[in-house]
C-alpha atoms as a PDB file:
ATOM      1  CA  UNK A   1      27.379  10.814   1.693  1.00  0.00           C
ATOM      2  CA  UNK A   2      27.588  13.981   0.429  1.00  0.00           C
ATOM      3  CA  UNK A   3      24.453  15.753  -1.188  1.00  0.00           C
ATOM      4  CA  UNK A   4      25.219  18.444  -3.587  1.00  0.00           C
ATOM      5  CA  UNK A   5      22.824  20.760  -5.757  1.00  0.00           C
ATOM      6  CA  UNK A   6      23.795  22.783  -8.433  1.00  0.00           C
ATOM      7  CA  UNK A   7      23.361  26.951  -8.314  1.00  0.00           C
ATOM      8  CA  UNK A   8      20.605  28.462  -7.839  1.00  0.00           C
ATOM      9  CA  UNK A   9      18.381  25.081  -7.016  1.00  0.00           C
ATOM     10  CA  UNK A  10      16.929  24.962  -3.719  1.00  0.00           C
ATOM     11  CA  UNK A  11      15.282  22.333  -1.242  1.00  0.00           C
ATOM     12  CA  UNK A  12      12.822  22.467   1.441  1.00  0.00           C
ATOM     13  CA  UNK A  13      10.458  20.013   3.103  1.00  0.00           C
ATOM     14  CA  UNK A  14       6.630  19.957   2.373  1.00  0.00           C
ATOM     15  CA  UNK A  15       3.958  21.549   3.527  1.00  0.00           C
ATOM     16  CA  UNK A  16       0.330  21.339   3.367  1.00  0.00           C
ATOM     17  CA  UNK A  17      -0.106  23.901   0.832  1.00  0.00           C
ATOM     18  CA  UNK A  18       2.341  22.127  -2.069  1.00  0.00           C
ATOM     19  CA  UNK A  19      -0.137  19.118  -2.575  1.00  0.00           C
ATOM     20  CA  UNK A  20      -1.430  20.030  -5.779  1.00  0.00           C
ATOM     21  CA  UNK A  21       2.061  20.948  -6.748  1.00  0.00           C
ATOM     22  CA  UNK A  22       3.597  17.824  -5.662  1.00  0.00           C
ATOM     23  CA  UNK A  23       0.870  15.751  -7.079  1.00  0.00           C
ATOM     24  CA  UNK A  24       1.493  17.880 -10.646  1.00  0.00           C
ATOM     25  CA  UNK A  25       5.190  16.094 -10.168  1.00  0.00           C
ATOM     26  CA  UNK A  26       3.055  12.851  -9.407  1.00  0.00           C
ATOM     27  CA  UNK A  27       1.389  12.770 -12.292  1.00  0.00           C
ATOM     28  CA  UNK A  28       3.727  14.301 -15.182  1.00  0.00           C
ATOM     29  CA  UNK A  29       6.319  10.836 -14.205  1.00  0.00           C
ATOM     30  CA  UNK A  30       2.770   8.481 -14.157  1.00  0.00           C
ATOM     31  CA  UNK A  31       1.569  10.109 -17.507  1.00  0.00           C
ATOM     32  CA  UNK A  32       5.068   9.944 -19.558  1.00  0.00           C
ATOM     33  CA  UNK A  33       5.355   6.369 -17.829  1.00  0.00           C
ATOM     34  CA  UNK A  34       2.138   4.583 -18.094  1.00  0.00           C
ATOM     35  CA  UNK A  35      -0.184   6.904 -20.478  1.00  0.00           C
ATOM     36  CA  UNK A  36      -2.398   8.414 -17.383  1.00  0.00           C
ATOM     37  CA  UNK A  37      -2.905  10.298 -14.382  1.00  0.00           C
ATOM     38  CA  UNK A  38      -3.946   8.797 -11.507  1.00  0.00           C
ATOM     39  CA  UNK A  39      -3.447  10.629  -8.821  1.00  0.00           C
ATOM     40  CA  UNK A  40      -5.276  13.030  -6.530  1.00  0.00           C
ATOM     41  CA  UNK A  41      -4.721  16.049  -4.638  1.00  0.00           C
ATOM     42  CA  UNK A  42      -7.045  14.584  -2.437  1.00  0.00           C
ATOM     43  CA  UNK A  43      -4.595  11.503  -2.102  1.00  0.00           C
ATOM     44  CA  UNK A  44      -1.416  13.528  -1.412  1.00  0.00           C
ATOM     45  CA  UNK A  45      -3.435  15.271   1.422  1.00  0.00           C
ATOM     46  CA  UNK A  46      -3.839  11.345   3.108  1.00  0.00           C
ATOM     47  CA  UNK A  47      -1.041  10.142   2.490  1.00  0.00           C
ATOM     48  CA  UNK A  48       0.844  13.456   4.504  1.00  0.00           C
ATOM     49  CA  UNK A  49      -2.147  13.300   7.395  1.00  0.00           C
ATOM     50  CA  UNK A  50      -0.905  10.270   8.307  1.00  0.00           C
ATOM     51  CA  UNK A  51      -0.081  10.125  11.997  1.00  0.00           C
ATOM     52  CA  UNK A  52       2.760   9.057  11.274  1.00  0.00           C
ATOM     53  CA  UNK A  53       4.624  11.222   9.233  1.00  0.00           C
ATOM     54  CA  UNK A  54       5.451  14.436   9.622  1.00  0.00           C
ATOM     55  CA  UNK A  55       6.298  16.834   6.943  1.00  0.00           C
ATOM     56  CA  UNK A  56       8.783  19.118   8.641  1.00  0.00           C
ATOM     57  CA  UNK A  57      10.488  16.201   8.621  1.00  0.00           C
ATOM     58  CA  UNK A  58       9.865  13.130   6.378  1.00  0.00           C
ATOM     59  CA  UNK A  59       9.831  15.016   2.992  1.00  0.00           C
ATOM     60  CA  UNK A  60      11.744  16.683   0.525  1.00  0.00           C
ATOM     61  CA  UNK A  61      10.961  18.471  -2.493  1.00  0.00           C
ATOM     62  CA  UNK A  62      13.600  20.169  -4.754  1.00  0.00           C
ATOM     63  CA  UNK A  63      12.871  22.987  -7.095  1.00  0.00           C
ATOM     64  CA  UNK A  64      14.618  24.401  -9.991  1.00  0.00           C
ATOM     65  CA  UNK A  65      15.426  28.218 -10.341  1.00  0.00           C
ATOM     66  CA  UNK A  66      12.734  29.289 -12.155  1.00  0.00           C
ATOM     67  CA  UNK A  67      10.795  28.091  -9.414  1.00  0.00           C
ATOM     68  CA  UNK A  68       9.690  24.670 -10.679  1.00  0.00           C
ATOM     69  CA  UNK A  69       8.992  22.130  -8.593  1.00  0.00           C
ATOM     70  CA  UNK A  70      11.427  19.048 -10.076  1.00  0.00           C
ATOM     71  CA  UNK A  71      11.561  16.658  -7.419  1.00  0.00           C
ATOM     72  CA  UNK A  72      10.062  15.205  -4.377  1.00  0.00           C
ATOM     73  CA  UNK A  73      11.197  12.097  -1.830  1.00  0.00           C
ATOM     74  CA  UNK A  74       9.679  10.846   1.750  1.00  0.00           C
ATOM     75  CA  UNK A  75      10.236   8.369   4.059  1.00  0.00           C
ATOM     76  CA  UNK A  76       7.416   6.867   6.552  1.00  0.00           C
ATOM     77  CA  UNK A  77       8.670   5.224  10.048  1.00  0.00           C
ATOM     78  CA  UNK A  78       5.181   3.405  10.686  1.00  0.00           C
ATOM     79  CA  UNK A  79       5.897   0.106  11.926  1.00  0.00           C
ATOM     80  CA  UNK A  80       6.858  -0.383  15.452  1.00  0.00           C
ATOM     81  CA  UNK A  81       9.225  -1.564  15.638  1.00  0.00           C
ATOM     82  CA  UNK A  82      10.560   0.416  12.872  1.00  0.00           C
ATOM     83  CA  UNK A  83      12.595  -2.482  11.176  1.00  0.00           C
ATOM     84  CA  UNK A  84      11.221  -1.754   7.465  1.00  0.00           C
ATOM     85  CA  UNK A  85      11.368   2.239   6.344  1.00  0.00           C
ATOM     86  CA  UNK A  86       9.581   2.839   3.136  1.00  0.00           C
ATOM     87  CA  UNK A  87      10.930   5.174   1.109  1.00  0.00           C
ATOM     88  CA  UNK A  88       9.059   6.599  -1.847  1.00  0.00           C
ATOM     89  CA  UNK A  89      10.516   9.477  -4.399  1.00  0.00           C
ATOM     90  CA  UNK A  90       9.522  11.374  -7.474  1.00  0.00           C
ATOM     91  CA  UNK A  91      10.845  12.619 -10.437  1.00  0.00           C
ATOM     92  CA  UNK A  92      10.477  15.070 -13.348  1.00  0.00           C
ATOM     93  CA  UNK A  93      10.168  12.992 -15.950  1.00  0.00           C
ATOM     94  CA  UNK A  94      12.643  15.936 -18.030  1.00  0.00           C
ATOM     95  CA  UNK A  95      15.536  15.226 -15.945  1.00  0.00           C
ATOM     96  CA  UNK A  96      15.796  11.724 -15.710  1.00  0.00           C
ATOM     97  CA  UNK A  97      19.166  11.387 -16.880  1.00  0.00           C
ATOM     98  CA  UNK A  98      20.254  14.332 -13.856  1.00  0.00           C
ATOM     99  CA  UNK A  99      22.548  11.540 -11.962  1.00  0.00           C
ATOM    100  CA  UNK A 100      22.875  14.161  -9.276  1.00  0.00           C
ATOM    101  CA  UNK A 101      19.209  15.200  -8.235  1.00  0.00           C
ATOM    102  CA  UNK A 102      18.547  10.983  -8.171  1.00  0.00           C
ATOM    103  CA  UNK A 103      21.706  10.915  -5.906  1.00  0.00           C
ATOM    104  CA  UNK A 104      20.227  13.823  -3.875  1.00  0.00           C
ATOM    105  CA  UNK A 105      16.865  12.396  -3.469  1.00  0.00           C
ATOM    106  CA  UNK A 106      17.651   8.911  -2.746  1.00  0.00           C
ATOM    107  CA  UNK A 107      20.557  10.482  -0.374  1.00  0.00           C
ATOM    108  CA  UNK A 108      18.526  12.134   1.667  1.00  0.00           C
ATOM    109  CA  UNK A 109      16.159   9.500   2.230  1.00  0.00           C
ATOM    110  CA  UNK A 110      18.977   7.297   3.337  1.00  0.00           C
ATOM    111  CA  UNK A 111      20.116   9.530   5.794  1.00  0.00           C
ATOM    112  CA  UNK A 112      16.861   9.992   7.494  1.00  0.00           C
ATOM    113  CA  UNK A 113      15.982   6.910   7.663  1.00  0.00           C
ATOM    114  CA  UNK A 114      19.225   5.623   9.555  1.00  0.00           C
ATOM    115  CA  UNK A 115      17.847   7.583  12.106  1.00  0.00           C
ATOM    116  CA  UNK A 116      15.364   5.570  12.893  1.00  0.00           C
ATOM    117  CA  UNK A 117      17.327   2.560  13.774  1.00  0.00           C
ATOM    118  CA  UNK A 118      18.452   3.588  17.403  1.00  0.00           C
ATOM    119  CA  UNK A 119      14.765   2.916  17.681  1.00  0.00           C
ATOM    120  CA  UNK A 120      14.761  -1.109  16.879  1.00  0.00           C
ATOM    121  CA  UNK A 121      15.283  -3.679  18.869  1.00  0.00           C
ATOM    122  CA  UNK A 122      19.460  -3.939  18.297  1.00  0.00           C
ATOM    123  CA  UNK A 123      19.612  -7.730  16.985  1.00  0.00           C
ATOM    124  CA  UNK A 124      16.922  -6.618  14.708  1.00  0.00           C
ATOM    125  CA  UNK A 125      18.089  -6.049  10.293  1.00  0.00           C
ATOM    126  CA  UNK A 126      16.952  -2.714   8.736  1.00  0.00           C
ATOM    127  CA  UNK A 127      15.922  -2.161   5.450  1.00  0.00           C
ATOM    128  CA  UNK A 128      14.590   0.372   3.402  1.00  0.00           C
ATOM    129  CA  UNK A 129      12.154  -0.406   1.554  1.00  0.00           C
ATOM    130  CA  UNK A 130      11.345   1.303  -2.386  1.00  0.00           C
ATOM    131  CA  UNK A 131       9.604   0.856  -5.190  1.00  0.00           C
ATOM    132  CA  UNK A 132       8.469   1.370  -8.601  1.00  0.00           C
ATOM    133  CA  UNK A 133       5.756   0.234 -11.903  1.00  0.00           C
ATOM    134  CA  UNK A 134       7.403  -2.349 -13.789  1.00  0.00           C
ATOM    135  CA  UNK A 135       7.709   0.200 -16.408  1.00  0.00           C
ATOM    136  CA  UNK A 136       9.954   2.447 -14.865  1.00  0.00           C
ATOM    137  CA  UNK A 137      13.011   1.677 -15.752  1.00  0.00           C
ATOM    138  CA  UNK A 138      14.969   4.508 -15.169  1.00  0.00           C
ATOM    139  CA  UNK A 139      14.038   4.431 -11.182  1.00  0.00           C
ATOM    140  CA  UNK A 140      15.038   0.650 -11.567  1.00  0.00           C
ATOM    141  CA  UNK A 141      18.413   1.862 -12.685  1.00  0.00           C
ATOM    142  CA  UNK A 142      18.768   4.712  -9.516  1.00  0.00           C
ATOM    143  CA  UNK A 143      17.765   2.354  -7.011  1.00  0.00           C
ATOM    144  CA  UNK A 144      20.229  -0.607  -7.777  1.00  0.00           C
ATOM    145  CA  UNK A 145      23.253   1.588  -8.713  1.00  0.00           C
ATOM    146  CA  UNK A 146      21.999   3.208  -5.006  1.00  0.00           C
ATOM    147  CA  UNK A 147      22.453  -0.521  -3.528  1.00  0.00           C
ATOM    148  CA  UNK A 148      19.136  -1.794  -3.616  1.00  0.00           C
ATOM    149  CA  UNK A 149      18.010  -5.197  -4.497  1.00  0.00           C
ATOM    150  CA  UNK A 150      15.046  -6.081  -6.337  1.00  0.00           C
ATOM    151  CA  UNK A 151      12.541  -8.199  -3.242  1.00  0.00           C
ATOM    152  CA  UNK A 152       9.374  -9.061  -4.695  1.00  0.00           C
ATOM    153  CA  UNK A 153       6.558  -7.913  -7.767  1.00  0.00           C
ATOM    154  CA  UNK A 154       3.176  -6.790  -7.237  1.00  0.00           C
ATOM    155  CA  UNK A 155       0.373  -7.059  -9.559  1.00  0.00           C
ATOM    156  CA  UNK A 156      -2.267  -4.483 -10.040  1.00  0.00           C
ATOM    157  CA  UNK A 157      -5.545  -6.972 -10.023  1.00  0.00           C
ATOM    158  CA  UNK A 158      -8.414  -5.958 -12.045  1.00  0.00           C
ATOM    159  CA  UNK A 159     -12.549  -7.047 -13.075  1.00  0.00           C
ATOM    160  CA  UNK A 160     -14.508  -5.323 -15.075  1.00  0.00           C
ATOM    161  CA  UNK A 161     -18.297  -5.657 -13.904  1.00  0.00           C
ATOM    162  CA  UNK A 162     -19.718  -5.453 -17.913  1.00  0.00           C
ATOM    163  CA  UNK A 163     -23.079  -7.378 -16.790  1.00  0.00           C
ATOM    164  CA  UNK A 164     -24.676  -7.947 -12.854  1.00  0.00           C
ATOM    165  CA  UNK A 165     -22.299  -9.500 -10.304  1.00  0.00           C
ATOM    166  CA  UNK A 166     -23.847 -12.508  -8.808  1.00  0.00           C
ATOM    167  CA  UNK A 167     -23.545 -14.326  -5.812  1.00  0.00           C
ATOM    168  CA  UNK A 168     -21.862 -17.287  -4.293  1.00  0.00           C
ATOM    169  CA  UNK A 169     -23.614 -18.718  -1.645  1.00  0.00           C
ATOM    170  CA  UNK A 170     -21.215 -19.472   1.173  1.00  0.00           C
ATOM    171  CA  UNK A 171     -20.136 -22.802   2.701  1.00  0.00           C
ATOM    172  CA  UNK A 172     -22.555 -24.276   4.755  1.00  0.00           C
ATOM    173  CA  UNK A 173     -22.032 -23.836   8.302  1.00  0.00           C
ATOM    174  CA  UNK A 174     -20.711 -19.627   6.956  1.00  0.00           C
ATOM    175  CA  UNK A 175     -22.314 -16.773   7.122  1.00  0.00           C
ATOM    176  CA  UNK A 176     -21.967 -12.994   5.593  1.00  0.00           C
ATOM    177  CA  UNK A 177     -22.760  -9.665   7.662  1.00  0.00           C
ATOM    178  CA  UNK A 178     -21.077  -6.462   8.159  1.00  0.00           C
ATOM    179  CA  UNK A 179     -18.689  -4.957  10.736  1.00  0.00           C
ATOM    180  CA  UNK A 180     -20.115  -3.537  13.973  1.00  0.00           C
ATOM    181  CA  UNK A 181     -17.790  -0.678  15.014  1.00  0.00           C
ATOM    182  CA  UNK A 182     -17.429  -1.112  18.575  1.00  0.00           C
ATOM    183  CA  UNK A 183     -18.907  -4.711  18.557  1.00  0.00           C
ATOM    184  CA  UNK A 184     -16.153  -6.485  16.426  1.00  0.00           C
ATOM    185  CA  UNK A 185     -12.940  -4.321  16.834  1.00  0.00           C
ATOM    186  CA  UNK A 186     -10.905  -6.952  18.875  1.00  0.00           C
ATOM    187  CA  UNK A 187     -12.039  -9.915  17.440  1.00  0.00           C
ATOM    188  CA  UNK A 188     -12.044  -7.762  13.496  1.00  0.00           C
ATOM    189  CA  UNK A 189      -8.123  -7.540  14.558  1.00  0.00           C
ATOM    190  CA  UNK A 190      -7.298 -11.061  16.166  1.00  0.00           C
ATOM    191  CA  UNK A 191      -8.570 -12.154  12.732  1.00  0.00           C
ATOM    192  CA  UNK A 192      -6.297  -9.989  11.145  1.00  0.00           C
ATOM    193  CA  UNK A 193      -3.264 -10.980  12.267  1.00  0.00           C
ATOM    194  CA  UNK A 194      -4.061 -14.692  11.756  1.00  0.00           C
ATOM    195  CA  UNK A 195      -5.051 -14.251   8.158  1.00  0.00           C
ATOM    196  CA  UNK A 196      -2.114 -12.444   7.909  1.00  0.00           C
ATOM    197  CA  UNK A 197       0.820 -13.617  10.192  1.00  0.00           C
ATOM    198  CA  UNK A 198       3.700 -14.872   7.582  1.00  0.00           C
ATOM    199  CA  UNK A 199       2.417 -12.797   4.406  1.00  0.00           C
ATOM    200  CA  UNK A 200       5.377 -10.779   2.964  1.00  0.00           C
ATOM    201  CA  UNK A 201       6.517  -7.374   4.585  1.00  0.00           C
ATOM    202  CA  UNK A 202       3.752  -7.398   6.968  1.00  0.00           C
ATOM    203  CA  UNK A 203       4.457  -6.526  10.370  1.00  0.00           C
ATOM    204  CA  UNK A 204       2.168  -7.899  13.566  1.00  0.00           C
ATOM    205  CA  UNK A 205       1.929  -4.865  15.862  1.00  0.00           C
ATOM    206  CA  UNK A 206       0.974  -4.436  19.339  1.00  0.00           C
ATOM    207  CA  UNK A 207      -2.612  -5.698  19.460  1.00  0.00           C
ATOM    208  CA  UNK A 208      -3.443  -2.351  20.946  1.00  0.00           C
ATOM    209  CA  UNK A 209      -1.449  -0.261  18.192  1.00  0.00           C
ATOM    210  CA  UNK A 210      -3.529  -2.676  15.475  1.00  0.00           C
ATOM    211  CA  UNK A 211      -7.037  -2.049  17.323  1.00  0.00           C
ATOM    212  CA  UNK A 212      -6.026   1.830  17.096  1.00  0.00           C
ATOM    213  CA  UNK A 213      -5.995   2.013  13.806  1.00  0.00           C
ATOM    214  CA  UNK A 214      -8.544   0.023  12.620  1.00  0.00           C
ATOM    215  CA  UNK A 215     -11.033   1.941  14.904  1.00  0.00           C
ATOM    216  CA  UNK A 216      -9.379   5.254  12.863  1.00  0.00           C
ATOM    217  CA  UNK A 217      -9.548   3.685   9.668  1.00  0.00           C
ATOM    218  CA  UNK A 218     -13.581   2.950  10.507  1.00  0.00           C
ATOM    219  CA  UNK A 219     -14.314   6.266  10.946  1.00  0.00           C
ATOM    220  CA  UNK A 220     -12.958   7.881   7.674  1.00  0.00           C
ATOM    221  CA  UNK A 221     -15.305   8.957   5.056  1.00  0.00           C
ATOM    222  CA  UNK A 222     -13.349   7.111   2.294  1.00  0.00           C
ATOM    223  CA  UNK A 223     -14.215   3.568   4.021  1.00  0.00           C
ATOM    224  CA  UNK A 224     -18.537   2.716   4.486  1.00  0.00           C
ATOM    225  CA  UNK A 225     -18.946  -0.716   6.347  1.00  0.00           C
ATOM    226  CA  UNK A 226     -21.194  -1.558   4.225  1.00  0.00           C
ATOM    227  CA  UNK A 227     -18.803  -2.819   2.280  1.00  0.00           C
ATOM    228  CA  UNK A 228     -16.920  -4.385   5.068  1.00  0.00           C
ATOM    229  CA  UNK A 229     -17.518  -8.113   5.326  1.00  0.00           C
ATOM    230  CA  UNK A 230     -17.098 -10.501   7.453  1.00  0.00           C
ATOM    231  CA  UNK A 231     -17.364 -13.934   7.235  1.00  0.00           C
ATOM    232  CA  UNK A 232     -18.882 -16.371  10.666  1.00  0.00           C
ATOM    233  CA  UNK A 233     -18.611 -19.410  11.410  1.00  0.00           C
ATOM    234  CA  UNK A 234     -21.899 -20.530  12.924  1.00  0.00           C
ATOM    235  CA  UNK A 235     -21.117 -23.767  14.391  1.00  0.00           C
ATOM    236  CA  UNK A 236     -18.215 -21.895  16.278  1.00  0.00           C
ATOM    237  CA  UNK A 237     -19.507 -19.614  18.859  1.00  0.00           C
ATOM    238  CA  UNK A 238     -19.983 -17.288  15.458  1.00  0.00           C
ATOM    239  CA  UNK A 239     -16.308 -16.835  14.808  1.00  0.00           C
ATOM    240  CA  UNK A 240     -14.577 -14.421  12.274  1.00  0.00           C
ATOM    241  CA  UNK A 241     -13.128 -16.868  10.161  1.00  0.00           C
ATOM    242  CA  UNK A 242     -12.632 -14.681   7.057  1.00  0.00           C
ATOM    243  CA  UNK A 243     -12.483 -10.683   6.322  1.00  0.00           C
ATOM    244  CA  UNK A 244     -13.449  -8.158   2.700  1.00  0.00           C
ATOM    245  CA  UNK A 245     -12.260  -5.305   3.171  1.00  0.00           C
ATOM    246  CA  UNK A 246     -13.213  -2.649  -0.061  1.00  0.00           C
ATOM    247  CA  UNK A 247     -14.442   0.655  -0.958  1.00  0.00           C
ATOM    248  CA  UNK A 248     -15.903   2.803  -3.626  1.00  0.00           C
ATOM    249  CA  UNK A 249     -12.941   4.581  -5.581  1.00  0.00           C
ATOM    250  CA  UNK A 250     -10.004   2.486  -6.381  1.00  0.00           C
ATOM    251  CA  UNK A 251      -6.404   4.023  -5.996  1.00  0.00           C
ATOM    252  CA  UNK A 252      -5.844   5.202  -9.274  1.00  0.00           C
ATOM    253  CA  UNK A 253      -8.856   4.784 -10.514  1.00  0.00           C
ATOM    254  CA  UNK A 254     -12.083   6.649  -9.436  1.00  0.00           C
ATOM    255  CA  UNK A 255     -14.581   4.576 -11.448  1.00  0.00           C
ATOM    256  CA  UNK A 256     -13.963   1.416  -9.195  1.00  0.00           C
ATOM    257  CA  UNK A 257     -13.880   0.116  -6.166  1.00  0.00           C
ATOM    258  CA  UNK A 258     -11.167  -1.352  -3.873  1.00  0.00           C
ATOM    259  CA  UNK A 259     -10.258  -4.557  -2.726  1.00  0.00           C
ATOM    260  CA  UNK A 260      -8.288  -3.385   0.248  1.00  0.00           C
ATOM    261  CA  UNK A 261      -7.651  -7.236   2.549  1.00  0.00           C
ATOM    262  CA  UNK A 262      -9.428 -10.075   1.800  1.00  0.00           C
ATOM    263  CA  UNK A 263      -8.671 -13.108   3.937  1.00  0.00           C
ATOM    264  CA  UNK A 264      -9.324 -15.793   5.208  1.00  0.00           C
ATOM    265  CA  UNK A 265      -8.146 -17.740   8.803  1.00  0.00           C
ATOM    266  CA  UNK A 266      -5.394 -20.886   7.925  1.00  0.00           C
ATOM    267  CA  UNK A 267      -7.797 -23.443   9.655  1.00  0.00           C
ATOM    268  CA  UNK A 268     -10.634 -22.410   7.121  1.00  0.00           C
ATOM    269  CA  UNK A 269      -9.040 -21.948   3.617  1.00  0.00           C
ATOM    270  CA  UNK A 270      -9.763 -24.274   0.856  1.00  0.00           C
ATOM    271  CA  UNK A 271     -13.408 -24.152   1.575  1.00  0.00           C
ATOM    272  CA  UNK A 272     -14.748 -21.230  -1.060  1.00  0.00           C
ATOM    273  CA  UNK A 273     -15.399 -18.628   1.568  1.00  0.00           C
ATOM    274  CA  UNK A 274     -12.641 -16.241   0.318  1.00  0.00           C
ATOM    275  CA  UNK A 275     -14.581 -16.869  -3.411  1.00  0.00           C
ATOM    276  CA  UNK A 276     -18.382 -16.005  -2.249  1.00  0.00           C
ATOM    277  CA  UNK A 277     -16.885 -13.198   0.006  1.00  0.00           C
ATOM    278  CA  UNK A 278     -15.128 -11.835  -3.189  1.00  0.00           C
ATOM    279  CA  UNK A 279     -18.629 -12.537  -4.820  1.00  0.00           C
ATOM    280  CA  UNK A 280     -20.206 -10.155  -2.469  1.00  0.00           C
ATOM    281  CA  UNK A 281     -18.009  -7.017  -2.786  1.00  0.00           C
ATOM    282  CA  UNK A 282     -18.378  -7.834  -6.782  1.00  0.00           C
ATOM    283  CA  UNK A 283     -22.049  -7.537  -6.228  1.00  0.00           C
ATOM    284  CA  UNK A 284     -22.522  -5.245  -3.787  1.00  0.00           C
ATOM    285  CA  UNK A 285     -20.551  -2.619  -5.443  1.00  0.00           C
ATOM    286  CA  UNK A 286     -21.399  -3.572  -9.210  1.00  0.00           C
ATOM    287  CA  UNK A 287     -25.177  -2.599  -7.562  1.00  0.00           C
ATOM    288  CA  UNK A 288     -23.927   1.235  -6.656  1.00  0.00           C
ATOM    289  CA  UNK A 289     -22.949   1.255 -10.553  1.00  0.00           C
ATOM    290  CA  UNK A 290     -18.927   0.648  -9.766  1.00  0.00           C
ATOM    291  CA  UNK A 291     -16.965   0.051 -13.329  1.00  0.00           C
ATOM    292  CA  UNK A 292     -15.555  -2.575 -11.200  1.00  0.00           C
ATOM    293  CA  UNK A 293     -12.743  -3.344  -8.713  1.00  0.00           C
ATOM    294  CA  UNK A 294      -8.875  -3.567  -8.263  1.00  0.00           C
ATOM    295  CA  UNK A 295      -6.393  -5.427  -5.793  1.00  0.00           C
ATOM    296  CA  UNK A 296      -2.845  -5.716  -4.897  1.00  0.00           C
ATOM    297  CA  UNK A 297      -1.307  -9.008  -4.538  1.00  0.00           C
ATOM    298  CA  UNK A 298       1.759 -10.089  -4.055  1.00  0.00           C
ATOM    299  CA  UNK A 299       3.097 -12.374  -7.006  1.00  0.00           C
ATOM    300  CA  UNK A 300       4.645 -14.581  -4.090  1.00  0.00           C
ATOM    301  CA  UNK A 301       2.175 -14.911  -2.078  1.00  0.00           C
ATOM    302  CA  UNK A 302       2.085 -18.637  -0.244  1.00  0.00           C
ATOM    303  CA  UNK A 303      -2.049 -19.137   0.274  1.00  0.00           C
ATOM    304  CA  UNK A 304      -2.861 -19.040  -3.331  1.00  0.00           C
ATOM    305  CA  UNK A 305      -4.113 -15.860  -3.845  1.00  0.00           C
ATOM    306  CA  UNK A 306      -3.380 -15.089  -7.198  1.00  0.00           C
ATOM    307  CA  UNK A 307      -4.996 -17.941  -8.697  1.00  0.00           C
ATOM    308  CA  UNK A 308      -8.529 -17.138  -6.715  1.00  0.00           C
ATOM    309  CA  UNK A 309      -8.212 -13.976  -8.009  1.00  0.00           C
ATOM    310  CA  UNK A 310      -8.036 -15.364 -11.330  1.00  0.00           C
ATOM    311  CA  UNK A 311     -10.876 -17.841 -10.543  1.00  0.00           C
ATOM    312  CA  UNK A 312     -13.157 -14.779  -9.616  1.00  0.00           C
ATOM    313  CA  UNK A 313     -12.172 -13.670 -13.497  1.00  0.00           C
ATOM    314  CA  UNK A 314      -9.475 -11.026 -12.457  1.00  0.00           C
ATOM    315  CA  UNK A 315      -6.629  -9.791 -14.597  1.00  0.00           C
ATOM    316  CA  UNK A 316      -3.147  -8.687 -14.256  1.00  0.00           C
ATOM    317  CA  UNK A 317      -3.220  -5.219 -15.369  1.00  0.00           C
ATOM    318  CA  UNK A 318      -0.154  -3.703 -13.760  1.00  0.00           C
ATOM    319  CA  UNK A 319       3.091  -4.950 -11.822  1.00  0.00           C
ATOM    320  CA  UNK A 320       5.225  -3.508  -9.944  1.00  0.00           C
ATOM    321  CA  UNK A 321       9.036  -4.399  -7.758  1.00  0.00           C
ATOM    322  CA  UNK A 322       9.887  -3.692  -4.611  1.00  0.00           C
ATOM    323  CA  UNK A 323      13.611  -2.737  -3.798  1.00  0.00           C
ATOM    324  CA  UNK A 324      14.512  -3.149  -0.523  1.00  0.00           C
ATOM    325  CA  UNK A 325      18.422  -1.900   0.798  1.00  0.00           C
ATOM    326  CA  UNK A 326      20.177  -3.402   3.934  1.00  0.00           C
ATOM    327  CA  UNK A 327      20.897  -0.206   6.641  1.00  0.00           C
ATOM    328  CA  UNK A 328      21.554  -2.941   8.868  1.00  0.00           C
ATOM    329  CA  UNK A 329      22.019  -6.374   9.418  1.00  0.00           C
ATOM    330  CA  UNK A 330      20.394  -8.758  11.796  1.00  0.00           C
ATOM    331  CA  UNK A 331      17.393 -11.150  12.275  1.00  0.00           C
ATOM    332  CA  UNK A 332      14.638 -10.384  10.233  1.00  0.00           C
ATOM    333  CA  UNK A 333      11.308  -9.238  12.060  1.00  0.00           C
ATOM    334  CA  UNK A 334       9.046  -9.030   8.714  1.00  0.00           C
ATOM    335  CA  UNK A 335       8.402 -12.119   6.909  1.00  0.00           C
ATOM    336  CA  UNK A 336      10.454 -12.450   3.587  1.00  0.00           C
END
C-alpha cells in the first residue's frame, strides 16, 4: 500500500493549534454539500482531547504548496478490545477529483488501523468503520473504491418546540428523577449496559472502564445533570429501569438540545416509559428557551426506537451512512 504526495505537498500530524484551521476545512466541505457550517472549534478540541485519542499518532493533515490545509484524516481506537477502529476523513470540496489525496488519507488510515490488530483477541473480527452523509456521493464512491461496504444508515431526527411542551405522566409504579453523582454511578452503568445490549455497534466494555467513562462525562462542562433523567420502578427496590441523557447545544446546532441516550431495560419496554421520559426531556429543554431537540437513531434498530421518536413528533432531517472494511476475518464481538 503506497502513500504518495505530489511535489510540494506536505503532511504532518495535527496539533492543538490546528483546531481552527481543521474546523474551517470541515465546514467548507459541509457547506458545499449540506449548505451549512455546523462545526465549531470547541467541538474539534473536545474530540481531539479524548483520552484514547493521540493527535501525534492518530491524525494526519495534508497541505498544498501554498500552506492551505486540504485534507484531514483520523483513526480512533476507543473500544476495549479494539475490534472496531473508527476512521474519518475530510477533503476540501475543490479537490473531490484528486484521487491521490483520497488515496493518501484512506491508505494512511488503514495502515494506522491495522496496528491495533495485535491488541485484539486472536479469533476476533476487526473492522475499520467510516461514514458520511447521504448527500456526499463523492466520499461514498471513494470509500467503496477502497474496499468499504455500506453497513448501516442512521437518521438525525428533530422536533421543534413551536409551543409549550407538555409532560406525559410516567406509567403506574414508575417515577422519574435526576441522576445523583456518586450515588447512582454503578447502577446507571448497569442499566445502560442492559438497555443497550445487542445494539448495533455497541461493544460492552469491562464494567470498570464503562464506569470511569460515565463518571468522566458527569464532570464535563457541557453536561448539566439536571437534564439526566432516570426511570425508577417503585415496586422493584427503586431499581433503575430507564434513562434519558440530554444536554443543551446539539451536535451541529447550538440552538437545539441533544438527546444523547434514551433507553429502557427490556423487561420494562412497551409500557410508555420511553415516551414519557422524552416528553419530560422536551419540556425541560423547552423551558430553557431551546428551539427543539435532535437525536441520532439506527434505522435498523430492533427495539422500535424510530417509531417511538415519530410518535413523539420527531422527523428525520438527515441520513448518514456507515461503511465498514474488514481488516481481519473472525468472530463478531460487536452486534451487527
